[in-house]
Amino acid sequence: MDSPLLLIVTGPPCAGKNTLARRLALALNLPLVTKDDLKELLFETVGWTDRAWSKRLGQAAYESMSYFIDTQLAACYPLILECNFHSMIQVDTSSSDLAPQDAFLEIIRLHR
């Protein structure tokens, strides 16, 4: 069985990550998970109070992304992920905590 693809689009804020990731998902017909989309869903569901709460929701969004990665790749389904990872983890092209060793990991880093 072929290794599933985990394509990560990352970079600083306002670098075009979301635009590129959405175009790639459409062109490749792959599911896309973005931290901002997950965080917005959490905001709409549980509300917002202050910056500390926003950070907690951000952490919950990262945890949700991890869940999506695990379930998609366990089923050998490819996935595109978009997020600014520098604040939570270091994404290294040679290895990553994000992807199991049997997944094909491709990282696109954008710069301003």
N, C-alpha and C. Protein backbone atom coordinates (compact mmCIF):
# COMPACT_ATOMS: atom_id res chain seq x y z
N MET A 1 0.84 -1.17 0.00
CA MET A 1 0.00 0.00 0.00
C MET A 1 0.89 1.24 0.00
N ASP A 2 0.56 2.23 -0.81
CA ASP A 2 1.31 3.47 -0.88
C ASP A 2 1.16 4.26 0.41
N SER A 3 2.20 5.03 0.72
CA SER A 3 2.14 5.90 1.90
C SER A 3 1.22 7.07 1.61
N PRO A 4 0.37 7.44 2.57
CA PRO A 4 -0.51 8.59 2.36
C PRO A 4 0.30 9.89 2.41
N LEU A 5 -0.15 10.87 1.68
CA LEU A 5 0.50 12.17 1.62
C LEU A 5 -0.04 13.09 2.70
N LEU A 6 0.86 13.73 3.43
CA LEU A 6 0.52 14.83 4.32
C LEU A 6 1.25 16.05 3.77
N LEU A 7 0.50 16.95 3.19
CA LEU A 7 1.05 18.17 2.61
C LEU A 7 0.79 19.32 3.58
N ILE A 8 1.84 19.91 4.08
CA ILE A 8 1.73 21.00 5.04
C ILE A 8 2.11 22.31 4.37
N VAL A 9 1.21 23.29 4.47
CA VAL A 9 1.50 24.64 3.98
C VAL A 9 1.64 25.52 5.22
N THR A 10 2.82 26.10 5.40
CA THR A 10 3.09 26.87 6.61
C THR A 10 3.85 28.14 6.27
N GLY A 11 3.91 29.03 7.22
CA GLY A 11 4.61 30.29 7.04
C GLY A 11 4.04 31.34 7.97
N PRO A 12 4.58 32.56 7.89
CA PRO A 12 4.11 33.63 8.79
C PRO A 12 2.73 34.11 8.40
N PRO A 13 2.09 34.88 9.29
CA PRO A 13 0.78 35.45 8.97
C PRO A 13 0.85 36.30 7.69
N CYS A 14 -0.23 36.25 6.93
CA CYS A 14 -0.39 37.06 5.70
C CYS A 14 0.61 36.71 4.60
N ALA A 15 1.12 35.47 4.60
CA ALA A 15 2.05 35.05 3.55
C ALA A 15 1.34 34.38 2.38
N GLY A 16 0.04 34.12 2.51
CA GLY A 16 -0.71 33.47 1.44
C GLY A 16 -0.92 31.98 1.64
N LYS A 17 -0.71 31.50 2.87
CA LYS A 17 -0.86 30.07 3.16
C LYS A 17 -2.25 29.55 2.82
N ASN A 18 -3.25 30.27 3.29
CA ASN A 18 -4.63 29.83 3.10
C ASN A 18 -4.99 29.80 1.62
N THR A 19 -4.62 30.84 0.90
CA THR A 19 -4.93 30.91 -0.53
C THR A 19 -4.27 29.75 -1.28
N LEU A 20 -2.99 29.52 -1.02
CA LEU A 20 -2.28 28.44 -1.70
C LEU A 20 -2.86 27.08 -1.31
N ALA A 21 -3.10 26.87 -0.02
CA ALA A 21 -3.62 25.58 0.44
C ALA A 21 -4.98 25.28 -0.19
N ARG A 22 -5.86 26.27 -0.25
CA ARG A 22 -7.18 26.07 -0.86
C ARG A 22 -7.06 25.76 -2.35
N ARG A 23 -6.16 26.43 -3.04
CA ARG A 23 -5.96 26.15 -4.46
C ARG A 23 -5.41 24.74 -4.68
N LEU A 24 -4.47 24.34 -3.84
CA LEU A 24 -3.91 22.99 -3.95
C LEU A 24 -4.97 21.94 -3.65
N ALA A 25 -5.78 22.16 -2.61
CA ALA A 25 -6.83 21.20 -2.25
C ALA A 25 -7.82 21.04 -3.41
N LEU A 26 -8.16 22.15 -4.04
CA LEU A 26 -9.09 22.10 -5.16
C LEU A 26 -8.45 21.39 -6.36
N ALA A 27 -7.22 21.76 -6.68
CA ALA A 27 -6.54 21.18 -7.84
C ALA A 27 -6.25 19.69 -7.66
N LEU A 28 -5.90 19.29 -6.44
CA LEU A 28 -5.54 17.90 -6.17
C LEU A 28 -6.71 17.07 -5.65
N ASN A 29 -7.85 17.73 -5.44
CA ASN A 29 -9.04 17.07 -4.91
C ASN A 29 -8.74 16.35 -3.59
N LEU A 30 -8.11 17.11 -2.68
CA LEU A 30 -7.74 16.57 -1.37
C LEU A 30 -8.43 17.37 -0.27
N PRO A 31 -8.71 16.73 0.86
CA PRO A 31 -9.29 17.45 1.99
C PRO A 31 -8.28 18.43 2.57
N LEU A 32 -8.79 19.54 3.04
CA LEU A 32 -7.96 20.60 3.63
C LEU A 32 -8.43 20.88 5.05
N VAL A 33 -7.49 20.93 5.98
CA VAL A 33 -7.78 21.30 7.36
C VAL A 33 -6.92 22.52 7.67
N THR A 34 -7.57 23.60 8.14
CA THR A 34 -6.83 24.80 8.52
C THR A 34 -7.11 25.13 9.97
N LYS A 35 -6.09 25.61 10.66
CA LYS A 35 -6.25 25.98 12.06
C LYS A 35 -7.27 27.09 12.21
N ASP A 36 -7.22 28.07 11.31
CA ASP A 36 -8.16 29.20 11.42
C ASP A 36 -9.61 28.74 11.29
N ASP A 37 -9.88 27.81 10.36
CA ASP A 37 -11.25 27.31 10.21
C ASP A 37 -11.72 26.60 11.49
N LEU A 38 -10.83 25.78 12.05
CA LEU A 38 -11.19 25.07 13.29
C LEU A 38 -11.40 26.05 14.44
N LYS A 39 -10.53 27.04 14.54
CA LYS A 39 -10.65 28.01 15.62
C LYS A 39 -11.94 28.83 15.48
N GLU A 40 -12.30 29.19 14.25
CA GLU A 40 -13.56 29.92 14.03
C GLU A 40 -14.76 29.08 14.43
N LEU A 41 -14.73 27.78 14.12
CA LEU A 41 -15.82 26.89 14.55
C LEU A 41 -15.93 26.85 16.07
N LEU A 42 -14.78 26.79 16.73
CA LEU A 42 -14.79 26.79 18.20
C LEU A 42 -15.33 28.10 18.74
N PHE A 43 -14.91 29.21 18.16
CA PHE A 43 -15.43 30.51 18.58
C PHE A 43 -16.95 30.55 18.46
N GLU A 44 -17.45 30.07 17.31
CA GLU A 44 -18.89 30.10 17.08
C GLU A 44 -19.65 29.17 18.03
N THR A 45 -19.00 28.10 18.45
CA THR A 45 -19.65 27.12 19.31
C THR A 45 -19.59 27.49 20.79
N VAL A 46 -18.41 27.85 21.27
CA VAL A 46 -18.24 28.09 22.71
C VAL A 46 -18.05 29.55 23.07
N GLY A 47 -17.94 30.40 22.07
CA GLY A 47 -17.82 31.83 22.33
C GLY A 47 -16.39 32.29 22.56
N TRP A 48 -16.28 33.57 22.87
CA TRP A 48 -14.98 34.21 23.05
C TRP A 48 -15.07 35.15 24.24
N THR A 49 -14.02 35.18 25.05
CA THR A 49 -14.04 36.10 26.18
C THR A 49 -12.85 37.07 26.17
N ASP A 50 -11.62 36.54 26.11
CA ASP A 50 -10.44 37.40 26.15
C ASP A 50 -9.27 36.70 25.45
N ARG A 51 -8.11 37.36 25.45
CA ARG A 51 -6.94 36.82 24.75
C ARG A 51 -6.52 35.45 25.30
N ALA A 52 -6.56 35.28 26.60
CA ALA A 52 -6.19 33.99 27.19
C ALA A 52 -7.13 32.88 26.68
N TRP A 53 -8.40 33.19 26.60
CA TRP A 53 -9.38 32.22 26.09
C TRP A 53 -9.10 31.92 24.62
N SER A 54 -8.76 32.95 23.85
CA SER A 54 -8.42 32.78 22.44
C SER A 54 -7.23 31.84 22.28
N LYS A 55 -6.24 31.99 23.14
CA LYS A 55 -5.07 31.09 23.09
C LYS A 55 -5.47 29.65 23.41
N ARG A 56 -6.37 29.48 24.37
CA ARG A 56 -6.86 28.13 24.70
C ARG A 56 -7.60 27.51 23.52
N LEU A 57 -8.41 28.33 22.84
CA LEU A 57 -9.11 27.82 21.65
C LEU A 57 -8.12 27.50 20.54
N GLY A 58 -7.08 28.30 20.43
CA GLY A 58 -6.03 28.01 19.45
C GLY A 58 -5.37 26.67 19.72
N GLN A 59 -5.09 26.39 20.99
CA GLN A 59 -4.51 25.10 21.37
C GLN A 59 -5.48 23.96 21.05
N ALA A 60 -6.76 24.18 21.31
CA ALA A 60 -7.77 23.16 20.98
C ALA A 60 -7.82 22.93 19.47
N ALA A 61 -7.63 23.98 18.69
CA ALA A 61 -7.62 23.83 17.23
C ALA A 61 -6.42 22.99 16.80
N TYR A 62 -5.24 23.22 17.41
CA TYR A 62 -4.07 22.40 17.11
C TYR A 62 -4.33 20.94 17.45
N GLU A 63 -4.94 20.69 18.60
CA GLU A 63 -5.25 19.32 19.01
C GLU A 63 -6.23 18.68 18.02
N SER A 64 -7.19 19.44 17.56
CA SER A 64 -8.15 18.93 16.56
C SER A 64 -7.44 18.59 15.26
N MET A 65 -6.49 19.44 14.86
CA MET A 65 -5.72 19.16 13.64
C MET A 65 -4.97 17.84 13.79
N SER A 66 -4.39 17.63 14.95
CA SER A 66 -3.67 16.39 15.21
C SER A 66 -4.59 15.18 15.06
N TYR A 67 -5.81 15.32 15.56
CA TYR A 67 -6.81 14.26 15.42
C TYR A 67 -7.11 13.98 13.95
N PHE A 68 -7.33 15.02 13.16
CA PHE A 68 -7.59 14.84 11.74
C PHE A 68 -6.43 14.16 11.03
N ILE A 69 -5.22 14.57 11.37
CA ILE A 69 -4.03 13.95 10.77
C ILE A 69 -4.03 12.46 11.09
N ASP A 70 -4.18 12.14 12.36
CA ASP A 70 -4.14 10.74 12.78
C ASP A 70 -5.20 9.89 12.08
N THR A 71 -6.43 10.37 12.04
CA THR A 71 -7.51 9.56 11.46
C THR A 71 -7.38 9.44 9.94
N GLN A 72 -7.02 10.52 9.27
CA GLN A 72 -6.87 10.47 7.81
C GLN A 72 -5.73 9.55 7.41
N LEU A 73 -4.56 9.75 8.02
CA LEU A 73 -3.39 8.96 7.64
C LEU A 73 -3.53 7.50 8.06
N ALA A 74 -4.20 7.24 9.17
CA ALA A 74 -4.42 5.85 9.59
C ALA A 74 -5.27 5.10 8.56
N ALA A 75 -6.15 5.83 7.89
CA ALA A 75 -6.99 5.23 6.86
C ALA A 75 -6.31 5.30 5.48
N CYS A 76 -5.06 5.75 5.47
CA CYS A 76 -4.27 5.90 4.23
C CYS A 76 -4.87 6.92 3.27
N TYR A 77 -5.51 7.94 3.82
CA TYR A 77 -6.06 9.04 3.02
C TYR A 77 -5.11 10.23 3.07
N PRO A 78 -4.87 10.88 1.95
CA PRO A 78 -4.01 12.06 1.94
C PRO A 78 -4.74 13.25 2.57
N LEU A 79 -3.96 14.27 2.93
CA LEU A 79 -4.50 15.41 3.64
C LEU A 79 -3.61 16.62 3.42
N ILE A 80 -4.23 17.79 3.26
CA ILE A 80 -3.50 19.05 3.24
C ILE A 80 -3.80 19.78 4.53
N LEU A 81 -2.75 20.31 5.14
CA LEU A 81 -2.84 21.01 6.40
C LEU A 81 -2.28 22.41 6.22
N GLU A 82 -3.00 23.43 6.71
CA GLU A 82 -2.50 24.81 6.62
C GLU A 82 -2.50 25.42 7.99
N CYS A 83 -1.35 25.96 8.37
CA CYS A 83 -1.23 26.57 9.69
C CYS A 83 0.12 27.25 9.83
N ASN A 84 0.19 28.22 10.75
CA ASN A 84 1.45 28.84 11.12
C ASN A 84 1.98 28.02 12.30
N PHE A 85 2.86 27.08 12.01
CA PHE A 85 3.28 26.13 13.03
C PHE A 85 4.38 26.62 13.96
N HIS A 86 5.06 27.70 13.62
CA HIS A 86 6.25 28.08 14.39
C HIS A 86 5.97 28.32 15.88
N SER A 87 4.76 28.72 16.21
CA SER A 87 4.49 29.02 17.61
C SER A 87 4.27 27.78 18.47
N MET A 88 3.94 26.66 17.86
CA MET A 88 3.62 25.46 18.63
C MET A 88 4.67 24.36 18.47
N ILE A 89 5.13 24.17 17.25
CA ILE A 89 6.06 23.08 16.98
C ILE A 89 7.04 23.50 15.90
N GLN A 90 8.13 22.83 15.80
CA GLN A 90 9.04 23.04 14.70
C GLN A 90 8.75 21.97 13.66
N VAL A 91 8.51 22.41 12.44
CA VAL A 91 8.27 21.47 11.36
C VAL A 91 9.58 21.31 10.61
N ASP A 92 10.10 20.11 10.59
CA ASP A 92 11.38 19.80 9.96
C ASP A 92 11.10 18.87 8.79
N THR A 93 11.73 19.15 7.64
CA THR A 93 11.47 18.35 6.45
C THR A 93 11.99 16.93 6.57
N SER A 94 12.95 16.68 7.45
CA SER A 94 13.47 15.32 7.56
C SER A 94 12.63 14.45 8.49
N SER A 95 11.98 15.05 9.46
CA SER A 95 11.11 14.30 10.37
C SER A 95 10.14 15.26 11.02
N SER A 96 9.04 14.74 11.48
CA SER A 96 8.06 15.59 12.14
C SER A 96 7.22 14.77 13.09
N ASP A 97 6.83 15.39 14.18
CA ASP A 97 5.91 14.74 15.11
C ASP A 97 4.52 14.67 14.52
N LEU A 98 4.27 15.44 13.45
CA LEU A 98 2.94 15.50 12.86
C LEU A 98 2.56 14.25 12.09
N ALA A 99 3.52 13.64 11.44
CA ALA A 99 3.21 12.54 10.53
C ALA A 99 3.85 11.24 11.01
N PRO A 100 3.12 10.14 10.91
CA PRO A 100 3.74 8.85 11.22
C PRO A 100 4.85 8.56 10.21
N GLN A 101 5.76 7.70 10.56
CA GLN A 101 6.91 7.43 9.70
C GLN A 101 6.51 6.86 8.34
N ASP A 102 5.35 6.21 8.25
CA ASP A 102 4.96 5.63 6.97
C ASP A 102 4.22 6.60 6.06
N ALA A 103 4.03 7.85 6.50
CA ALA A 103 3.37 8.86 5.67
C ALA A 103 4.42 9.60 4.85
N PHE A 104 4.01 10.04 3.67
CA PHE A 104 4.86 10.87 2.84
C PHE A 104 4.61 12.32 3.23
N LEU A 105 5.60 12.96 3.82
CA LEU A 105 5.47 14.32 4.32
C LEU A 105 6.08 15.30 3.35
N GLU A 106 5.30 16.28 2.92
CA GLU A 106 5.79 17.35 2.05
C GLU A 106 5.43 18.67 2.70
N ILE A 107 6.41 19.55 2.86
CA ILE A 107 6.18 20.83 3.52
C ILE A 107 6.46 21.96 2.56
N ILE A 108 5.51 22.89 2.47
CA ILE A 108 5.69 24.10 1.68
C ILE A 108 5.75 25.25 2.67
N ARG A 109 6.90 25.91 2.73
CA ARG A 109 7.07 27.06 3.62
C ARG A 109 6.98 28.33 2.80
N LEU A 110 6.09 29.20 3.19
CA LEU A 110 5.95 30.49 2.51
C LEU A 110 6.65 31.56 3.33
N HIS A 111 7.10 32.59 2.63
CA HIS A 111 7.75 33.73 3.27
C HIS A 111 7.12 35.00 2.75
N ARG A 112 7.15 36.02 3.55
CA ARG A 112 6.62 37.31 3.10
C ARG A 112 7.61 38.01 2.25
